[in-house]
């Protein structure tokens, strides 16, 4: 078992309140997403870096709760499940 920390956002208690951290890249099923925290805690933008279009999604969590990397991956999987493979956009 590795004792190395998992890459991702710094724990909320180790950074100043309302200070966004640097973006990270999260890869799910071969798809790369840049995850950026907005100016308010618990708000994130997910930019699909290698998708067929300039596309992505945003998330705002209740009470400014920070997301873990596994939660980010789950959100990305949920997003990708809604993409129409023929168009590369959300299914209608």
PDB file of N, CA and C in Angstrom:
ATOM      1  N   UNK A   1       0.843  -1.180   0.000  1.00  0.00           N
ATOM      2  CA  UNK A   1       0.000   0.000   0.000  1.00  0.00           C
ATOM      3  C   UNK A   1       0.888   1.243   0.000  1.00  0.00           C
ATOM      4  N   UNK A   2       0.596   2.170  -0.859  1.00  0.00           N
ATOM      5  CA  UNK A   2       1.381   3.393  -0.990  1.00  0.00           C
ATOM      6  C   UNK A   2       1.039   4.386   0.119  1.00  0.00           C
ATOM      7  N   UNK A   3       2.064   5.052   0.589  1.00  0.00           N
ATOM      8  CA  UNK A   3       1.848   6.095   1.589  1.00  0.00           C
ATOM      9  C   UNK A   3       1.913   7.476   0.960  1.00  0.00           C
ATOM     10  N   UNK A   4       2.067   7.507  -0.359  1.00  0.00           N
ATOM     11  CA  UNK A   4       2.114   8.788  -1.066  1.00  0.00           C
ATOM     12  C   UNK A   4       0.731   9.421  -1.070  1.00  0.00           C
ATOM     13  N   UNK A   5       0.652  10.740  -0.885  1.00  0.00           N
ATOM     14  CA  UNK A   5      -0.660  11.395  -0.942  1.00  0.00           C
ATOM     15  C   UNK A   5      -1.215  11.338  -2.356  1.00  0.00           C
ATOM     16  N   UNK A   6      -2.534  11.298  -2.465  1.00  0.00           N
ATOM     17  CA  UNK A   6      -3.194  11.292  -3.762  1.00  0.00           C
ATOM     18  C   UNK A   6      -3.195  12.712  -4.315  1.00  0.00           C
ATOM     19  N   UNK A   7      -2.836  12.878  -5.608  1.00  0.00           N
ATOM     20  CA  UNK A   7      -2.856  14.224  -6.177  1.00  0.00           C
ATOM     21  C   UNK A   7      -4.270  14.795  -6.140  1.00  0.00           C
ATOM     22  N   UNK A   8      -4.351  16.080  -5.998  1.00  0.00           N
ATOM     23  CA  UNK A   8      -5.652  16.719  -6.001  1.00  0.00           C
ATOM     24  C   UNK A   8      -5.625  18.028  -5.248  1.00  0.00           C
ATOM     25  N   UNK A   9      -6.769  18.462  -4.842  1.00  0.00           N
ATOM     26  CA  UNK A   9      -6.893  19.725  -4.135  1.00  0.00           C
ATOM     27  C   UNK A   9      -6.402  19.579  -2.701  1.00  0.00           C
ATOM     28  N   UNK A  10      -5.780  20.617  -2.194  1.00  0.00           N
ATOM     29  CA  UNK A  10      -5.308  20.610  -0.817  1.00  0.00           C
ATOM     30  C   UNK A  10      -6.491  20.531   0.137  1.00  0.00           C
ATOM     31  N   UNK A  11      -6.327  19.829   1.255  1.00  0.00           N
ATOM     32  CA  UNK A  11      -7.423  19.795   2.237  1.00  0.00           C
ATOM     33  C   UNK A  11      -7.835  21.213   2.620  1.00  0.00           C
ATOM     34  N   UNK A  12      -9.116  21.400   2.781  1.00  0.00           N
ATOM     35  CA  UNK A  12      -9.651  22.734   3.028  1.00  0.00           C
ATOM     36  C   UNK A  12      -9.007  23.406   4.234  1.00  0.00           C
ATOM     37  N   UNK A  13      -8.699  22.639   5.288  1.00  0.00           N
ATOM     38  CA  UNK A  13      -8.144  23.241   6.499  1.00  0.00           C
ATOM     39  C   UNK A  13      -6.704  23.729   6.328  1.00  0.00           C
ATOM     40  N   UNK A  14      -6.050  23.398   5.198  1.00  0.00           N
ATOM     41  CA  UNK A  14      -4.655  23.805   5.003  1.00  0.00           C
ATOM     42  C   UNK A  14      -4.501  25.025   4.109  1.00  0.00           C
ATOM     43  N   UNK A  15      -5.594  25.584   3.637  1.00  0.00           N
ATOM     44  CA  UNK A  15      -5.497  26.755   2.763  1.00  0.00           C
ATOM     45  C   UNK A  15      -6.396  27.870   3.260  1.00  0.00           C
ATOM     46  N   UNK A  16      -6.074  29.098   2.897  1.00  0.00           N
ATOM     47  CA  UNK A  16      -6.895  30.226   3.344  1.00  0.00           C
ATOM     48  C   UNK A  16      -8.320  30.119   2.812  1.00  0.00           C
ATOM     49  N   UNK A  17      -9.250  30.586   3.585  1.00  0.00           N
ATOM     50  CA  UNK A  17     -10.656  30.557   3.171  1.00  0.00           C
ATOM     51  C   UNK A  17     -10.841  31.430   1.930  1.00  0.00           C
ATOM     52  N   UNK A  18     -11.620  30.951   0.984  1.00  0.00           N
ATOM     53  CA  UNK A  18     -11.960  31.630  -0.265  1.00  0.00           C
ATOM     54  C   UNK A  18     -10.772  31.836  -1.201  1.00  0.00           C
ATOM     55  N   UNK A  19      -9.704  31.116  -1.004  1.00  0.00           N
ATOM     56  CA  UNK A  19      -8.566  31.207  -1.922  1.00  0.00           C
ATOM     57  C   UNK A  19      -8.586  29.980  -2.834  1.00  0.00           C
ATOM     58  N   UNK A  20      -8.976  30.155  -4.108  1.00  0.00           N
ATOM     59  CA  UNK A  20      -9.006  29.002  -5.012  1.00  0.00           C
ATOM     60  C   UNK A  20      -7.615  28.396  -5.166  1.00  0.00           C
ATOM     61  N   UNK A  21      -7.576  27.094  -5.325  1.00  0.00           N
ATOM     62  CA  UNK A  21      -6.307  26.418  -5.555  1.00  0.00           C
ATOM     63  C   UNK A  21      -6.052  26.340  -7.051  1.00  0.00           C
ATOM     64  N   UNK A  22      -4.833  25.992  -7.411  1.00  0.00           N
ATOM     65  CA  UNK A  22      -4.496  25.854  -8.823  1.00  0.00           C
ATOM     66  C   UNK A  22      -5.325  24.748  -9.455  1.00  0.00           C
ATOM     67  N   UNK A  23      -5.643  24.889 -10.740  1.00  0.00           N
ATOM     68  CA  UNK A  23      -6.395  23.841 -11.430  1.00  0.00           C
ATOM     69  C   UNK A  23      -5.621  22.523 -11.436  1.00  0.00           C
ATOM     70  N   UNK A  24      -6.355  21.424 -11.503  1.00  0.00           N
ATOM     71  CA  UNK A  24      -5.755  20.101 -11.654  1.00  0.00           C
ATOM     72  C   UNK A  24      -6.378  19.438 -12.869  1.00  0.00           C
ATOM     73  N   UNK A  25      -5.700  18.423 -13.401  1.00  0.00           N
ATOM     74  CA  UNK A  25      -6.252  17.630 -14.499  1.00  0.00           C
ATOM     75  C   UNK A  25      -6.644  16.281 -13.925  1.00  0.00           C
ATOM     76  N   UNK A  26      -7.892  15.895 -14.203  1.00  0.00           N
ATOM     77  CA  UNK A  26      -8.426  14.612 -13.754  1.00  0.00           C
ATOM     78  C   UNK A  26      -8.796  13.823 -14.999  1.00  0.00           C
ATOM     79  N   UNK A  27      -8.298  12.588 -15.094  1.00  0.00           N
ATOM     80  CA  UNK A  27      -8.573  11.735 -16.252  1.00  0.00           C
ATOM     81  C   UNK A  27      -9.509  10.618 -15.834  1.00  0.00           C
ATOM     82  N   UNK A  28     -10.588  10.455 -16.596  1.00  0.00           N
ATOM     83  CA  UNK A  28     -11.576   9.405 -16.354  1.00  0.00           C
ATOM     84  C   UNK A  28     -11.873   8.734 -17.693  1.00  0.00           C
ATOM     85  N   UNK A  29     -11.683   7.429 -17.745  1.00  0.00           N
ATOM     86  CA  UNK A  29     -11.972   6.664 -18.959  1.00  0.00           C
ATOM     87  C   UNK A  29     -11.322   7.282 -20.198  1.00  0.00           C
ATOM     88  N   UNK A  30     -10.086   7.747 -20.046  1.00  0.00           N
ATOM     89  CA  UNK A  30      -9.345   8.325 -21.163  1.00  0.00           C
ATOM     90  C   UNK A  30      -9.708   9.755 -21.503  1.00  0.00           C
ATOM     91  N   UNK A  31     -10.627  10.351 -20.751  1.00  0.00           N
ATOM     92  CA  UNK A  31     -11.050  11.728 -21.005  1.00  0.00           C
ATOM     93  C   UNK A  31     -10.435  12.650 -19.951  1.00  0.00           C
ATOM     94  N   UNK A  32      -9.797  13.722 -20.415  1.00  0.00           N
ATOM     95  CA  UNK A  32      -9.107  14.658 -19.527  1.00  0.00           C
ATOM     96  C   UNK A  32      -9.973  15.884 -19.249  1.00  0.00           C
ATOM     97  N   UNK A  33     -10.078  16.240 -17.968  1.00  0.00           N
ATOM     98  CA  UNK A  33     -10.828  17.410 -17.538  1.00  0.00           C
ATOM     99  C   UNK A  33      -9.940  18.267 -16.643  1.00  0.00           C
ATOM    100  N   UNK A  34      -9.907  19.556 -16.941  1.00  0.00           N
ATOM    101  CA  UNK A  34      -9.258  20.510 -16.030  1.00  0.00           C
ATOM    102  C   UNK A  34     -10.326  20.927 -15.017  1.00  0.00           C
ATOM    103  N   UNK A  35     -10.007  20.788 -13.739  1.00  0.00           N
ATOM    104  CA  UNK A  35     -10.939  21.158 -12.684  1.00  0.00           C
ATOM    105  C   UNK A  35     -10.404  22.418 -12.016  1.00  0.00           C
ATOM    106  N   UNK A  36     -11.225  23.469 -12.070  1.00  0.00           N
ATOM    107  CA  UNK A  36     -10.848  24.755 -11.481  1.00  0.00           C
ATOM    108  C   UNK A  36     -11.856  25.116 -10.406  1.00  0.00           C
ATOM    109  N   UNK A  37     -11.341  25.539  -9.278  1.00  0.00           N
ATOM    110  CA  UNK A  37     -12.221  26.027  -8.222  1.00  0.00           C
ATOM    111  C   UNK A  37     -12.516  27.498  -8.502  1.00  0.00           C
ATOM    112  N   UNK A  38     -13.776  27.880  -8.353  1.00  0.00           N
ATOM    113  CA  UNK A  38     -14.159  29.279  -8.564  1.00  0.00           C
ATOM    114  C   UNK A  38     -13.778  30.111  -7.348  1.00  0.00           C
ATOM    115  N   UNK A  39     -14.205  31.342  -7.335  1.00  0.00           N
ATOM    116  CA  UNK A  39     -13.880  32.267  -6.241  1.00  0.00           C
ATOM    117  C   UNK A  39     -14.588  31.931  -4.937  1.00  0.00           C
ATOM    118  N   UNK A  40     -15.629  31.106  -5.003  1.00  0.00           N
ATOM    119  CA  UNK A  40     -16.342  30.701  -3.796  1.00  0.00           C
ATOM    120  C   UNK A  40     -16.037  29.236  -3.517  1.00  0.00           C
ATOM    121  N   UNK A  41     -15.848  28.871  -2.251  1.00  0.00           N
ATOM    122  CA  UNK A  41     -15.572  27.466  -1.952  1.00  0.00           C
ATOM    123  C   UNK A  41     -16.751  26.579  -2.356  1.00  0.00           C
ATOM    124  N   UNK A  42     -16.418  25.387  -2.834  1.00  0.00           N
ATOM    125  CA  UNK A  42     -17.444  24.431  -3.215  1.00  0.00           C
ATOM    126  C   UNK A  42     -18.006  24.630  -4.610  1.00  0.00           C
ATOM    127  N   UNK A  43     -17.444  25.571  -5.382  1.00  0.00           N
ATOM    128  CA  UNK A  43     -17.895  25.805  -6.761  1.00  0.00           C
ATOM    129  C   UNK A  43     -16.747  25.478  -7.714  1.00  0.00           C
ATOM    130  N   UNK A  44     -17.038  24.624  -8.696  1.00  0.00           N
ATOM    131  CA  UNK A  44     -16.005  24.111  -9.587  1.00  0.00           C
ATOM    132  C   UNK A  44     -16.441  24.191 -11.039  1.00  0.00           C
ATOM    133  N   UNK A  45     -15.467  24.397 -11.921  1.00  0.00           N
ATOM    134  CA  UNK A  45     -15.666  24.299 -13.365  1.00  0.00           C
ATOM    135  C   UNK A  45     -14.845  23.118 -13.860  1.00  0.00           C
ATOM    136  N   UNK A  46     -15.460  22.288 -14.705  1.00  0.00           N
ATOM    137  CA  UNK A  46     -14.820  21.130 -15.309  1.00  0.00           C
ATOM    138  C   UNK A  46     -14.739  21.382 -16.805  1.00  0.00           C
ATOM    139  N   UNK A  47     -13.531  21.557 -17.329  1.00  0.00           N
ATOM    140  CA  UNK A  47     -13.330  21.803 -18.762  1.00  0.00           C
ATOM    141  C   UNK A  47     -12.860  20.510 -19.416  1.00  0.00           C
ATOM    142  N   UNK A  48     -13.603  20.041 -20.419  1.00  0.00           N
ATOM    143  CA  UNK A  48     -13.280  18.807 -21.128  1.00  0.00           C
ATOM    144  C   UNK A  48     -12.158  19.109 -22.115  1.00  0.00           C
ATOM    145  N   UNK A  49     -10.958  18.680 -21.814  1.00  0.00           N
ATOM    146  CA  UNK A  49      -9.779  19.070 -22.590  1.00  0.00           C
ATOM    147  C   UNK A  49      -9.625  18.312 -23.897  1.00  0.00           C
ATOM    148  N   UNK A  50      -9.996  17.036 -23.931  1.00  0.00           N
ATOM    149  CA  UNK A  50      -9.804  16.269 -25.164  1.00  0.00           C
ATOM    150  C   UNK A  50     -11.133  15.792 -25.756  1.00  0.00           C
ATOM    151  N   UNK A  51     -12.212  16.489 -25.414  1.00  0.00           N
ATOM    152  CA  UNK A  51     -13.526  16.169 -25.979  1.00  0.00           C
ATOM    153  C   UNK A  51     -13.635  16.683 -27.405  1.00  0.00           C
ATOM    154  N   UNK A  52     -14.706  16.312 -28.091  1.00  0.00           N
ATOM    155  CA  UNK A  52     -14.868  16.723 -29.489  1.00  0.00           C
ATOM    156  C   UNK A  52     -15.204  18.209 -29.658  1.00  0.00           C
ATOM    157  N   UNK A  53     -15.583  18.879 -28.559  1.00  0.00           N
ATOM    158  CA  UNK A  53     -15.954  20.290 -28.612  1.00  0.00           C
ATOM    159  C   UNK A  53     -15.374  21.004 -27.380  1.00  0.00           C
ATOM    160  N   UNK A  54     -15.369  22.316 -27.421  1.00  0.00           N
ATOM    161  CA  UNK A  54     -15.010  23.119 -26.257  1.00  0.00           C
ATOM    162  C   UNK A  54     -16.209  23.048 -25.313  1.00  0.00           C
ATOM    163  N   UNK A  55     -16.154  22.160 -24.342  1.00  0.00           N
ATOM    164  CA  UNK A  55     -17.337  21.813 -23.580  1.00  0.00           C
ATOM    165  C   UNK A  55     -16.936  21.464 -22.152  1.00  0.00           C
ATOM    166  N   UNK A  56     -17.894  21.501 -21.253  1.00  0.00           N
ATOM    167  CA  UNK A  56     -17.647  21.131 -19.869  1.00  0.00           C
ATOM    168  C   UNK A  56     -18.885  21.356 -19.039  1.00  0.00           C
ATOM    169  N   UNK A  57     -18.692  21.453 -17.724  1.00  0.00           N
ATOM    170  CA  UNK A  57     -19.817  21.645 -16.818  1.00  0.00           C
ATOM    171  C   UNK A  57     -19.330  22.254 -15.518  1.00  0.00           C
ATOM    172  N   UNK A  58     -20.263  22.706 -14.710  1.00  0.00           N
ATOM    173  CA  UNK A  58     -19.937  23.294 -13.419  1.00  0.00           C
ATOM    174  C   UNK A  58     -20.720  22.634 -12.309  1.00  0.00           C
ATOM    175  N   UNK A  59     -20.188  22.739 -11.109  1.00  0.00           N
ATOM    176  CA  UNK A  59     -20.842  22.182  -9.918  1.00  0.00           C
ATOM    177  C   UNK A  59     -20.744  23.205  -8.798  1.00  0.00           C
ATOM    178  N   UNK A  60     -21.843  23.383  -8.082  1.00  0.00           N
ATOM    179  CA  UNK A  60     -21.867  24.184  -6.852  1.00  0.00           C
ATOM    180  C   UNK A  60     -22.373  23.277  -5.744  1.00  0.00           C
ATOM    181  N   UNK A  61     -21.599  23.147  -4.689  1.00  0.00           N
ATOM    182  CA  UNK A  61     -21.975  22.263  -3.583  1.00  0.00           C
ATOM    183  C   UNK A  61     -22.533  23.068  -2.422  1.00  0.00           C
ATOM    184  N   UNK A  62     -23.438  22.460  -1.709  1.00  0.00           N
ATOM    185  CA  UNK A  62     -24.076  23.112  -0.563  1.00  0.00           C
ATOM    186  C   UNK A  62     -23.049  23.475   0.495  1.00  0.00           C
ATOM    187  N   UNK A  63     -23.216  24.631   1.075  1.00  0.00           N
ATOM    188  CA  UNK A  63     -22.393  25.106   2.198  1.00  0.00           C
ATOM    189  C   UNK A  63     -20.908  25.158   1.872  1.00  0.00           C
ATOM    190  N   UNK A  64     -20.563  25.266   0.586  1.00  0.00           N
ATOM    191  CA  UNK A  64     -19.162  25.414   0.211  1.00  0.00           C
ATOM    192  C   UNK A  64     -18.307  24.191   0.454  1.00  0.00           C
ATOM    193  N   UNK A  65     -18.911  23.011   0.480  1.00  0.00           N
ATOM    194  CA  UNK A  65     -18.159  21.777   0.746  1.00  0.00           C
ATOM    195  C   UNK A  65     -17.170  21.506  -0.381  1.00  0.00           C
ATOM    196  N   UNK A  66     -15.933  21.221  -0.029  1.00  0.00           N
ATOM    197  CA  UNK A  66     -14.903  20.904  -1.008  1.00  0.00           C
ATOM    198  C   UNK A  66     -15.133  19.513  -1.581  1.00  0.00           C
ATOM    199  N   UNK A  67     -14.725  19.323  -2.829  1.00  0.00           N
ATOM    200  CA  UNK A  67     -14.826  18.013  -3.476  1.00  0.00           C
ATOM    201  C   UNK A  67     -13.515  17.267  -3.337  1.00  0.00           C
ATOM    202  N   UNK A  68     -13.619  15.956  -3.162  1.00  0.00           N
ATOM    203  CA  UNK A  68     -12.450  15.101  -3.198  1.00  0.00           C
ATOM    204  C   UNK A  68     -12.220  14.669  -4.641  1.00  0.00           C
ATOM    205  N   UNK A  69     -11.039  14.175  -4.947  1.00  0.00           N
ATOM    206  CA  UNK A  69     -10.765  13.694  -6.305  1.00  0.00           C
ATOM    207  C   UNK A  69     -11.709  12.546  -6.674  1.00  0.00           C
ATOM    208  N   UNK A  70     -11.984  11.571  -5.795  1.00  0.00           N
ATOM    209  CA  UNK A  70     -12.961  10.544  -6.169  1.00  0.00           C
ATOM    210  C   UNK A  70     -14.350  11.126  -6.470  1.00  0.00           C
ATOM    211  N   UNK A  71     -14.761  12.159  -5.758  1.00  0.00           N
ATOM    212  CA  UNK A  71     -16.048  12.808  -6.049  1.00  0.00           C
ATOM    213  C   UNK A  71     -16.002  13.510  -7.401  1.00  0.00           C
ATOM    214  N   UNK A  72     -14.868  14.108  -7.739  1.00  0.00           N
ATOM    215  CA  UNK A  72     -14.714  14.744  -9.048  1.00  0.00           C
ATOM    216  C   UNK A  72     -14.824  13.701 -10.151  1.00  0.00           C
ATOM    217  N   UNK A  73     -14.165  12.548  -9.952  1.00  0.00           N
ATOM    218  CA  UNK A  73     -14.223  11.482 -10.953  1.00  0.00           C
ATOM    219  C   UNK A  73     -15.647  10.977 -11.130  1.00  0.00           C
ATOM    220  N   UNK A  74     -16.386  10.855 -10.049  1.00  0.00           N
ATOM    221  CA  UNK A  74     -17.782  10.421 -10.137  1.00  0.00           C
ATOM    222  C   UNK A  74     -18.614  11.441 -10.915  1.00  0.00           C
ATOM    223  N   UNK A  75     -18.398  12.733 -10.661  1.00  0.00           N
ATOM    224  CA  UNK A  75     -19.126  13.777 -11.392  1.00  0.00           C
ATOM    225  C   UNK A  75     -18.797  13.734 -12.879  1.00  0.00           C
ATOM    226  N   UNK A  76     -17.542  13.484 -13.206  1.00  0.00           N
ATOM    227  CA  UNK A  76     -17.128  13.387 -14.610  1.00  0.00           C
ATOM    228  C   UNK A  76     -17.782  12.172 -15.265  1.00  0.00           C
ATOM    229  N   UNK A  77     -17.800  11.038 -14.575  1.00  0.00           N
ATOM    230  CA  UNK A  77     -18.449   9.837 -15.125  1.00  0.00           C
ATOM    231  C   UNK A  77     -19.939  10.090 -15.381  1.00  0.00           C
ATOM    232  N   UNK A  78     -20.584  10.767 -14.440  1.00  0.00           N
ATOM    233  CA  UNK A  78     -22.004  11.096 -14.613  1.00  0.00           C
ATOM    234  C   UNK A  78     -22.202  11.986 -15.840  1.00  0.00           C
ATOM    235  N   UNK A  79     -21.327  12.971 -16.017  1.00  0.00           N
ATOM    236  CA  UNK A  79     -21.397  13.862 -17.174  1.00  0.00           C
ATOM    237  C   UNK A  79     -21.195  13.076 -18.472  1.00  0.00           C
ATOM    238  N   UNK A  80     -20.155  12.244 -18.519  1.00  0.00           N
ATOM    239  CA  UNK A  80     -19.860  11.487 -19.734  1.00  0.00           C
ATOM    240  C   UNK A  80     -20.984  10.521 -20.094  1.00  0.00           C
ATOM    241  N   UNK A  81     -21.684   9.997 -19.095  1.00  0.00           N
ATOM    242  CA  UNK A  81     -22.794   9.086 -19.351  1.00  0.00           C
ATOM    243  C   UNK A  81     -23.946   9.788 -20.069  1.00  0.00           C
ATOM    244  N   UNK A  82     -24.007  11.115 -19.964  1.00  0.00           N
ATOM    245  CA  UNK A  82     -25.083  11.889 -20.595  1.00  0.00           C
ATOM    246  C   UNK A  82     -24.706  12.436 -21.974  1.00  0.00           C
ATOM    247  N   UNK A  83     -23.485  12.133 -22.437  1.00  0.00           N
ATOM    248  CA  UNK A  83     -23.026  12.635 -23.735  1.00  0.00           C
ATOM    249  C   UNK A  83     -23.466  11.702 -24.855  1.00  0.00           C
ATOM    250  N   UNK A  84     -24.034  12.273 -25.902  1.00  0.00           N
ATOM    251  CA  UNK A  84     -24.426  11.519 -27.094  1.00  0.00           C
ATOM    252  C   UNK A  84     -23.159  11.256 -27.908  1.00  0.00           C
ATOM    253  N   UNK A  85     -22.779   9.991 -28.109  1.00  0.00           N
ATOM    254  CA  UNK A  85     -21.541   9.712 -28.840  1.00  0.00           C
ATOM    255  C   UNK A  85     -21.556  10.210 -30.283  1.00  0.00           C
ATOM    256  N   UNK A  86     -22.742  10.339 -30.862  1.00  0.00           N
ATOM    257  CA  UNK A  86     -22.839  10.799 -32.258  1.00  0.00           C
ATOM    258  C   UNK A  86     -22.551  12.285 -32.385  1.00  0.00           C
ATOM    259  N   UNK A  87     -22.930  13.088 -31.371  1.00  0.00           N
ATOM    260  CA  UNK A  87     -22.773  14.538 -31.477  1.00  0.00           C
ATOM    261  C   UNK A  87     -21.683  15.090 -30.569  1.00  0.00           C
ATOM    262  N   UNK A  88     -21.379  14.377 -29.485  1.00  0.00           N
ATOM    263  CA  UNK A  88     -20.421  14.885 -28.513  1.00  0.00           C
ATOM    264  C   UNK A  88     -21.029  15.890 -27.551  1.00  0.00           C
ATOM    265  N   UNK A  89     -22.338  16.098 -27.637  1.00  0.00           N
ATOM    266  CA  UNK A  89     -23.045  17.005 -26.749  1.00  0.00           C
ATOM    267  C   UNK A  89     -23.992  16.214 -25.854  1.00  0.00           C
ATOM    268  N   UNK A  90     -24.570  16.901 -24.859  1.00  0.00           N
ATOM    269  CA  UNK A  90     -25.542  16.261 -23.986  1.00  0.00           C
ATOM    270  C   UNK A  90     -26.685  15.689 -24.805  1.00  0.00           C
ATOM    271  N   UNK A  91     -27.141  14.503 -24.390  1.00  0.00           N
ATOM    272  CA  UNK A  91     -28.287  13.883 -25.070  1.00  0.00           C
ATOM    273  C   UNK A  91     -29.522  14.745 -24.898  1.00  0.00           C
ATOM    274  N   UNK A  92     -30.382  14.730 -25.896  1.00  0.00           N
ATOM    275  CA  UNK A  92     -31.615  15.508 -25.805  1.00  0.00           C
ATOM    276  C   UNK A  92     -32.751  14.672 -25.305  1.00  0.00           C
TER     277      UNK A  92
END
